[in-house]
C-alpha atoms as a PDB file:
ATOM      1  CA  UNK A   1     133.362  87.989  98.832  1.00  0.00           C
ATOM      2  CA  UNK A   2     131.461  85.429  96.786  1.00  0.00           C
ATOM      3  CA  UNK A   3     131.075  84.798  93.076  1.00  0.00           C
ATOM      4  CA  UNK A   4     127.873  84.880  91.056  1.00  0.00           C
ATOM      5  CA  UNK A   5     127.372  83.503  87.571  1.00  0.00           C
ATOM      6  CA  UNK A   6     124.500  85.210  85.750  1.00  0.00           C
ATOM      7  CA  UNK A   7     122.375  83.213  83.302  1.00  0.00           C
ATOM      8  CA  UNK A   8     119.316  84.607  81.557  1.00  0.00           C
ATOM      9  CA  UNK A   9     116.892  83.442  78.893  1.00  0.00           C
ATOM     10  CA  UNK A  10     116.394  86.175  76.279  1.00  0.00           C
ATOM     11  CA  UNK A  11     115.323  85.755  72.672  1.00  0.00           C
ATOM     12  CA  UNK A  12     116.921  88.734  70.960  1.00  0.00           C
ATOM     13  CA  UNK A  13     117.276  89.782  67.358  1.00  0.00           C
ATOM     14  CA  UNK A  14     120.439  89.104  65.369  1.00  0.00           C
ATOM     15  CA  UNK A  15     123.134  91.598  66.397  1.00  0.00           C
ATOM     16  CA  UNK A  16     121.680  92.296  69.839  1.00  0.00           C
ATOM     17  CA  UNK A  17     123.456  91.260  73.031  1.00  0.00           C
ATOM     18  CA  UNK A  18     122.534  91.140  76.725  1.00  0.00           C
ATOM     19  CA  UNK A  19     124.546  92.700  79.527  1.00  0.00           C
ATOM     20  CA  UNK A  20     123.967  92.799  83.268  1.00  0.00           C
ATOM     21  CA  UNK A  21     124.377  96.060  85.176  1.00  0.00           C
ATOM     22  CA  UNK A  22     124.030  96.714  88.891  1.00  0.00           C
ATOM     23  CA  UNK A  23     124.699  98.856  91.919  1.00  0.00           C
ATOM     24  CA  UNK A  24     128.211  97.530  92.619  1.00  0.00           C
ATOM     25  CA  UNK A  25     131.552  98.275  90.945  1.00  0.00           C
ATOM     26  CA  UNK A  26     131.748  94.662  89.697  1.00  0.00           C
ATOM     27  CA  UNK A  27     128.433  95.232  87.879  1.00  0.00           C
ATOM     28  CA  UNK A  28     129.263  98.671  86.487  1.00  0.00           C
ATOM     29  CA  UNK A  29     127.859 100.945  89.230  1.00  0.00           C
ATOM     30  CA  UNK A  30     124.546 101.260  87.340  1.00  0.00           C
ATOM     31  CA  UNK A  31     126.383 102.594  84.296  1.00  0.00           C
ATOM     32  CA  UNK A  32     125.363 100.555  81.221  1.00  0.00           C
ATOM     33  CA  UNK A  33     128.628 101.484  79.480  1.00  0.00           C
ATOM     34  CA  UNK A  34     130.386  99.404  82.178  1.00  0.00           C
ATOM     35  CA  UNK A  35     127.868  96.538  82.271  1.00  0.00           C
ATOM     36  CA  UNK A  36     129.087  92.937  82.131  1.00  0.00           C
ATOM     37  CA  UNK A  37     128.515  91.237  78.738  1.00  0.00           C
ATOM     38  CA  UNK A  38     126.687  87.925  78.671  1.00  0.00           C
ATOM     39  CA  UNK A  39     127.428  85.400  75.943  1.00  0.00           C
ATOM     40  CA  UNK A  40     125.472  82.850  73.953  1.00  0.00           C
ATOM     41  CA  UNK A  41     126.144  80.447  71.090  1.00  0.00           C
ATOM     42  CA  UNK A  42     124.048  78.665  68.468  1.00  0.00           C
ATOM     43  CA  UNK A  43     124.002  75.662  70.799  1.00  0.00           C
ATOM     44  CA  UNK A  44     122.919  77.555  73.958  1.00  0.00           C
ATOM     45  CA  UNK A  45     120.655  80.297  72.486  1.00  0.00           C
ATOM     46  CA  UNK A  46     118.347  81.755  73.855  1.00  0.00           C
ATOM     47  CA  UNK A  47     120.351  81.329  77.095  1.00  0.00           C
ATOM     48  CA  UNK A  48     122.995  83.974  77.800  1.00  0.00           C
ATOM     49  CA  UNK A  49     125.581  83.760  80.606  1.00  0.00           C
ATOM     50  CA  UNK A  50     128.696  85.353  82.021  1.00  0.00           C
ATOM     51  CA  UNK A  51     131.937  83.726  80.909  1.00  0.00           C
ATOM     52  CA  UNK A  52     133.449  84.161  84.362  1.00  0.00           C
ATOM     53  CA  UNK A  53     131.703  84.481  87.723  1.00  0.00           C
ATOM     54  CA  UNK A  54     131.329  88.060  88.970  1.00  0.00           C
ATOM     55  CA  UNK A  55     132.801  88.807  92.430  1.00  0.00           C
ATOM     56  CA  UNK A  56     130.152  90.184  94.786  1.00  0.00           C
ATOM     57  CA  UNK A  57     130.289  91.104  98.471  1.00  0.00           C
ATOM     58  CA  UNK A  58     128.778  88.259 100.465  1.00  0.00           C
ATOM     59  CA  UNK A  59     125.883  89.025 102.764  1.00  0.00           C
ATOM     60  CA  UNK A  60     124.929  92.205 100.920  1.00  0.00           C
ATOM     61  CA  UNK A  61     122.022  93.410  98.794  1.00  0.00           C
ATOM     62  CA  UNK A  62     122.684  93.543  95.059  1.00  0.00           C
ATOM     63  CA  UNK A  63     120.401  95.429  92.670  1.00  0.00           C
ATOM     64  CA  UNK A  64     120.757  94.654  88.973  1.00  0.00           C
ATOM     65  CA  UNK A  65     119.032  94.904  85.606  1.00  0.00           C
ATOM     66  CA  UNK A  66     119.641  93.546  82.153  1.00  0.00           C
ATOM     67  CA  UNK A  67     120.188  95.776  79.166  1.00  0.00           C
ATOM     68  CA  UNK A  68     120.483  95.325  75.410  1.00  0.00           C
ATOM     69  CA  UNK A  69     123.374  96.527  73.287  1.00  0.00           C
ATOM     70  CA  UNK A  70     123.740  96.620  69.506  1.00  0.00           C
ATOM     71  CA  UNK A  71     127.212  96.955  67.948  1.00  0.00           C
ATOM     72  CA  UNK A  72     128.629  97.912  71.349  1.00  0.00           C
ATOM     73  CA  UNK A  73     126.080 100.692  71.944  1.00  0.00           C
ATOM     74  CA  UNK A  74     123.470 100.758  74.708  1.00  0.00           C
ATOM     75  CA  UNK A  75     119.938 100.463  73.282  1.00  0.00           C
ATOM     76  CA  UNK A  76     117.513  99.811  76.135  1.00  0.00           C
ATOM     77  CA  UNK A  77     116.912  98.450  79.622  1.00  0.00           C
ATOM     78  CA  UNK A  78     114.796  95.394  80.218  1.00  0.00           C
ATOM     79  CA  UNK A  79     111.106  96.207  80.646  1.00  0.00           C
ATOM     80  CA  UNK A  80     110.860  96.182  84.446  1.00  0.00           C
ATOM     81  CA  UNK A  81     110.010  99.158  86.628  1.00  0.00           C
ATOM     82  CA  UNK A  82     112.429  98.398  89.457  1.00  0.00           C
ATOM     83  CA  UNK A  83     115.820  96.696  89.462  1.00  0.00           C
ATOM     84  CA  UNK A  84     115.956  93.012  90.331  1.00  0.00           C
ATOM     85  CA  UNK A  85     117.244  92.364  93.860  1.00  0.00           C
ATOM     86  CA  UNK A  86     119.542  89.619  95.033  1.00  0.00           C
ATOM     87  CA  UNK A  87     119.331  89.965  98.798  1.00  0.00           C
ATOM     88  CA  UNK A  88     122.135  87.857 100.159  1.00  0.00           C
ATOM     89  CA  UNK A  89     121.358  88.953 103.717  1.00  0.00           C
ATOM     90  CA  UNK A  90     117.833  87.568 103.777  1.00  0.00           C
ATOM     91  CA  UNK A  91     118.322  84.057 102.481  1.00  0.00           C
ATOM     92  CA  UNK A  92     119.609  80.962 104.173  1.00  0.00           C
ATOM     93  CA  UNK A  93     119.180  78.979 100.956  1.00  0.00           C
ATOM     94  CA  UNK A  94     122.310  80.313  99.253  1.00  0.00           C
ATOM     95  CA  UNK A  95     125.693  78.730  99.808  1.00  0.00           C
ATOM     96  CA  UNK A  96     127.686  81.941  99.577  1.00  0.00           C
ATOM     97  CA  UNK A  97     131.028  80.310 100.274  1.00  0.00           C
ATOM     98  CA  UNK A  98     130.715  78.207  97.120  1.00  0.00           C
ATOM     99  CA  UNK A  99     129.331  80.950  94.874  1.00  0.00           C
ATOM    100  CA  UNK A 100     125.919  81.107  93.249  1.00  0.00           C
ATOM    101  CA  UNK A 101     124.269  80.998  89.847  1.00  0.00           C
ATOM    102  CA  UNK A 102     121.593  83.624  89.234  1.00  0.00           C
ATOM    103  CA  UNK A 103     119.057  82.367  86.677  1.00  0.00           C
ATOM    104  CA  UNK A 104     116.479  84.797  85.275  1.00  0.00           C
ATOM    105  CA  UNK A 105     113.864  84.761  82.542  1.00  0.00           C
ATOM    106  CA  UNK A 106     113.338  88.024  80.717  1.00  0.00           C
ATOM    107  CA  UNK A 107     109.726  88.846  80.092  1.00  0.00           C
ATOM    108  CA  UNK A 108     110.402  91.873  77.970  1.00  0.00           C
ATOM    109  CA  UNK A 109     113.564  92.921  76.208  1.00  0.00           C
ATOM    110  CA  UNK A 110     111.749  93.881  73.052  1.00  0.00           C
ATOM    111  CA  UNK A 111     111.976  97.447  71.743  1.00  0.00           C
ATOM    112  CA  UNK A 112     109.237  99.766  72.996  1.00  0.00           C
ATOM    113  CA  UNK A 113     106.120  99.967  70.810  1.00  0.00           C
ATOM    114  CA  UNK A 114     105.772 103.384  69.164  1.00  0.00           C
ATOM    115  CA  UNK A 115     102.912 105.363  70.711  1.00  0.00           C
ATOM    116  CA  UNK A 116     100.149 106.787  68.541  1.00  0.00           C
ATOM    117  CA  UNK A 117     100.601 104.253  65.752  1.00  0.00           C
ATOM    118  CA  UNK A 118      97.361 102.796  64.442  1.00  0.00           C
ATOM    119  CA  UNK A 119      96.798  99.842  62.133  1.00  0.00           C
END
């Protein structure tokens, strides 16, 4: 087992929050209702991070995505086609015994643009 701290840069609207969800029980088993909340403050915004490291099986492949919640309700997934992958098996650069920090930049957490709307 190792620990991973998640940190992501996401400029959201007031009242929105970021959570991380993945294919392991510690990340909610791909169920956004069980996703791990990330936190920010006026001093750290737009950076969001886990308050405590998340336990993950060392030397395993972890798939995860970020999602947006408003008032405790799931609103949307981040705008990527496939989940992000943290492949612990393939990298010698991680020090799994000491834990890791996963740092991501979100390209698109904005709400989808309505289709068929013209200016």
